[in-house]
């Protein structure tokens, strides 16, 4: 008799690895670097030169996250990871908003996304709920996200979860002497955001 090790190959339902969200550990830095490199390459493709895109390499991002996890910028900064089994496939960094119009009630998602190879499995929704819980725990009532104006995938996900443009726009330097237009979306976090489709 053949053992399937927990996988029912005769079932019509696909087998999905255990999914979870947790606080990141320093040892997660390399995996987080892989996720962020994939996110930034996708988000900025077509809006920055090829040599800038080529610089979005996992080891460079991993080094920054290793330092940030070892020495957090503040007690309010958190890095959450979404996992499929033990594998990190999604990330969300959150902290106080540094925008000129921010108050102590405003939190900001600094990075948010799911690796392209793990999308449409619920990781983004779980991560966004965990972010909302995290910022509510710090008494924030508004959650803000800056994103590239051309990142329609992330914008669609966030708008489906209850975020909307609040009118703020800015230029962000991405690579040497190259600016990208960004817009800001906001949502109230007094109630949990609704998961996207």
Protein backbone atom coordinates (compact mmCIF):
# COMPACT_ATOMS: atom_id res chain seq x y z
CA UNK A 1 0.00 0.00 0.00
CA UNK A 2 1.37 3.39 -0.99
CA UNK A 3 1.42 6.12 1.62
CA UNK A 4 0.64 9.65 0.52
CA UNK A 5 2.18 11.42 3.51
CA UNK A 6 -0.88 13.56 4.12
CA UNK A 7 -1.59 14.39 0.48
CA UNK A 8 -4.88 13.04 -0.84
CA UNK A 9 -4.13 12.80 -4.54
CA UNK A 10 -7.63 11.52 -5.28
CA UNK A 11 -9.29 14.65 -3.93
CA UNK A 12 -10.58 17.42 -6.17
CA UNK A 13 -9.40 19.97 -3.62
CA UNK A 14 -5.78 21.12 -4.05
CA UNK A 15 -3.43 20.49 -1.16
CA UNK A 16 -2.35 23.77 0.44
CA UNK A 17 0.60 23.98 2.78
CA UNK A 18 -0.04 25.27 6.29
CA UNK A 19 -0.16 29.03 6.07
CA UNK A 20 0.70 31.40 8.89
CA UNK A 21 1.82 34.92 9.73
CA UNK A 22 4.42 35.65 12.39
CA UNK A 23 6.96 38.22 13.47
CA UNK A 24 10.15 37.93 11.45
CA UNK A 25 13.37 36.62 12.98
CA UNK A 26 16.89 37.66 12.03
CA UNK A 27 17.29 34.25 10.36
CA UNK A 28 14.44 35.19 7.98
CA UNK A 29 16.47 38.00 6.39
CA UNK A 30 17.67 35.98 3.34
CA UNK A 31 14.13 34.79 2.53
CA UNK A 32 12.71 38.28 3.06
CA UNK A 33 15.39 39.57 0.66
CA UNK A 34 14.20 37.13 -2.00
CA UNK A 35 10.58 38.24 -1.56
CA UNK A 36 11.41 41.96 -1.65
CA UNK A 37 13.65 41.62 -4.71
CA UNK A 38 10.79 39.91 -6.56
CA UNK A 39 8.28 42.54 -5.37
CA UNK A 40 10.39 45.52 -6.35
CA UNK A 41 11.38 44.03 -9.71
CA UNK A 42 7.70 43.57 -10.54
CA UNK A 43 6.55 46.91 -9.13
CA UNK A 44 9.19 49.03 -10.85
CA UNK A 45 9.52 47.16 -14.17
CA UNK A 46 8.88 49.62 -16.96
CA UNK A 47 9.32 52.68 -14.77
CA UNK A 48 13.02 52.48 -13.93
CA UNK A 49 16.03 51.72 -16.15
CA UNK A 50 17.20 48.12 -16.56
CA UNK A 51 20.41 48.78 -14.62
CA UNK A 52 18.36 49.93 -11.60
CA UNK A 53 16.15 46.83 -11.84
CA UNK A 54 19.27 44.68 -12.01
CA UNK A 55 20.32 46.12 -8.65
CA UNK A 56 17.25 44.69 -6.90
CA UNK A 57 19.13 41.64 -5.64
CA UNK A 58 18.15 39.46 -2.65
CA UNK A 59 21.49 39.73 -0.79
CA UNK A 60 21.34 43.54 -0.73
CA UNK A 61 17.79 43.55 0.66
CA UNK A 62 18.66 40.74 3.09
CA UNK A 63 21.54 42.76 4.53
CA UNK A 64 19.24 45.73 5.21
CA UNK A 65 16.61 43.51 6.87
CA UNK A 66 19.22 41.69 8.93
CA UNK A 67 20.39 45.04 10.32
CA UNK A 68 16.83 46.28 10.87
CA UNK A 69 15.82 43.09 12.69
CA UNK A 70 18.96 43.19 14.82
CA UNK A 71 18.59 46.91 15.60
CA UNK A 72 14.96 47.99 14.94
CA UNK A 73 14.52 51.69 14.08
CA UNK A 74 12.00 51.99 16.93
CA UNK A 75 9.90 49.87 19.25
CA UNK A 76 6.93 50.51 16.96
CA UNK A 77 8.60 49.03 13.85
CA UNK A 78 7.62 45.45 13.05
CA UNK A 79 8.40 43.06 10.21
CA UNK A 80 5.78 40.37 9.69
CA UNK A 81 6.22 37.41 7.37
CA UNK A 82 3.66 35.20 5.72
CA UNK A 83 4.68 31.56 5.48
CA UNK A 84 3.63 28.52 3.48
CA UNK A 85 4.73 25.81 5.85
CA UNK A 86 8.16 27.03 6.95
CA UNK A 87 8.87 28.97 3.74
CA UNK A 88 8.62 32.78 3.88
CA UNK A 89 6.53 33.84 0.88
CA UNK A 90 5.20 37.27 1.94
CA UNK A 91 6.26 40.26 3.99
CA UNK A 92 4.91 43.40 5.58
CA UNK A 93 6.94 46.03 7.41
CA UNK A 94 5.03 48.53 9.52
CA UNK A 95 5.98 51.52 11.63
CA UNK A 96 4.93 55.04 12.55
CA UNK A 97 4.14 57.28 9.58
CA UNK A 98 6.92 59.77 8.86
CA UNK A 99 4.76 61.89 6.56
CA UNK A 100 4.67 65.64 7.29
CA UNK A 101 0.90 65.51 7.83
CA UNK A 102 1.03 62.46 10.13
CA UNK A 103 -0.12 62.33 13.71
CA UNK A 104 0.61 59.73 16.39
CA UNK A 105 -2.55 57.94 15.26
CA UNK A 106 -1.07 57.22 11.79
CA UNK A 107 0.85 54.05 11.04
CA UNK A 108 2.51 53.22 7.74
CA UNK A 109 3.02 50.01 5.85
CA UNK A 110 6.59 50.42 4.63
CA UNK A 111 6.64 47.29 2.45
CA UNK A 112 3.83 44.84 1.68
CA UNK A 113 3.60 42.00 -0.77
CA UNK A 114 3.47 38.33 -1.65
CA UNK A 115 6.09 36.62 -3.81
CA UNK A 116 4.61 36.23 -7.33
CA UNK A 117 4.94 32.44 -7.07
CA UNK A 118 2.69 32.32 -3.99
CA UNK A 119 -0.10 34.72 -4.91
CA UNK A 120 -3.84 33.96 -4.80
CA UNK A 121 -3.44 31.63 -1.81
CA UNK A 122 -4.65 34.04 0.87
CA UNK A 123 -1.22 35.12 2.13
CA UNK A 124 -1.82 38.81 1.40
CA UNK A 125 -5.15 38.91 3.22
CA UNK A 126 -3.74 37.10 6.27
CA UNK A 127 -0.78 39.46 6.31
CA UNK A 128 -2.94 42.57 6.02
CA UNK A 129 -5.14 41.41 8.91
CA UNK A 130 -2.02 40.84 11.02
CA UNK A 131 -0.74 44.32 10.13
CA UNK A 132 -4.06 45.86 11.19
CA UNK A 133 -3.96 43.95 14.48
CA UNK A 134 -0.37 45.08 15.04
CA UNK A 135 -1.07 48.77 14.50
CA UNK A 136 -4.29 48.67 16.52
CA UNK A 137 -2.15 47.32 19.36
CA UNK A 138 -0.07 50.50 19.16
CA UNK A 139 -3.23 52.67 19.25
CA UNK A 140 -3.00 53.72 15.61
CA UNK A 141 -6.32 54.46 13.93
CA UNK A 142 -5.16 55.11 10.36
CA UNK A 143 -2.98 52.89 8.20
CA UNK A 144 -1.18 54.44 5.22
CA UNK A 145 0.61 52.81 2.30
CA UNK A 146 2.76 54.50 -0.36
CA UNK A 147 2.97 52.60 -3.62
CA UNK A 148 4.30 53.21 -7.12
CA UNK A 149 1.60 54.88 -9.21
CA UNK A 150 1.91 52.09 -11.77
CA UNK A 151 1.59 49.16 -9.33
CA UNK A 152 -1.97 48.24 -10.26
CA UNK A 153 -1.76 44.77 -8.66
CA UNK A 154 -1.02 46.08 -5.17
CA UNK A 155 -3.41 48.99 -5.57
CA UNK A 156 -6.25 46.66 -6.59
CA UNK A 157 -5.59 44.39 -3.62
CA UNK A 158 -5.52 47.30 -1.18
CA UNK A 159 -8.63 48.97 -2.59
CA UNK A 160 -10.52 45.67 -2.32
CA UNK A 161 -9.48 45.61 1.35
CA UNK A 162 -10.93 49.06 2.03
CA UNK A 163 -8.01 51.39 1.29
CA UNK A 164 -8.47 54.45 -0.87
CA UNK A 165 -6.35 57.27 -2.29
CA UNK A 166 -6.18 60.16 0.18
CA UNK A 167 -4.83 62.72 -2.28
CA UNK A 168 -1.17 62.59 -1.27
CA UNK A 169 1.47 62.05 -3.98
CA UNK A 170 5.26 62.19 -3.93
CA UNK A 171 8.36 61.40 -5.91
CA UNK A 172 10.64 58.64 -4.64
CA UNK A 173 14.25 58.23 -5.63
CA UNK A 174 14.77 54.68 -6.87
CA UNK A 175 18.33 54.15 -7.93
CA UNK A 176 20.74 56.95 -8.75
CA UNK A 177 18.98 60.07 -10.01
CA UNK A 178 15.75 58.31 -10.95
CA UNK A 179 12.42 59.41 -9.48
CA UNK A 180 9.22 57.35 -9.44
CA UNK A 181 5.78 58.83 -8.78
CA UNK A 182 4.01 57.34 -5.76
CA UNK A 183 0.52 57.76 -4.37
CA UNK A 184 -0.74 57.15 -0.86
CA UNK A 185 -3.68 54.99 0.13
CA UNK A 186 -5.21 55.10 3.60
CA UNK A 187 -7.70 53.10 5.64
CA UNK A 188 -9.16 53.32 9.11
CA UNK A 189 -7.99 50.46 11.32
CA UNK A 190 -10.54 50.80 14.09
CA UNK A 191 -12.22 47.82 12.43
CA UNK A 192 -10.34 45.00 10.66
CA UNK A 193 -9.93 45.58 6.90
CA UNK A 194 -11.93 43.24 4.69
CA UNK A 195 -9.88 40.67 2.75
CA UNK A 196 -9.45 41.25 -0.95
CA UNK A 197 -10.77 38.95 -3.62
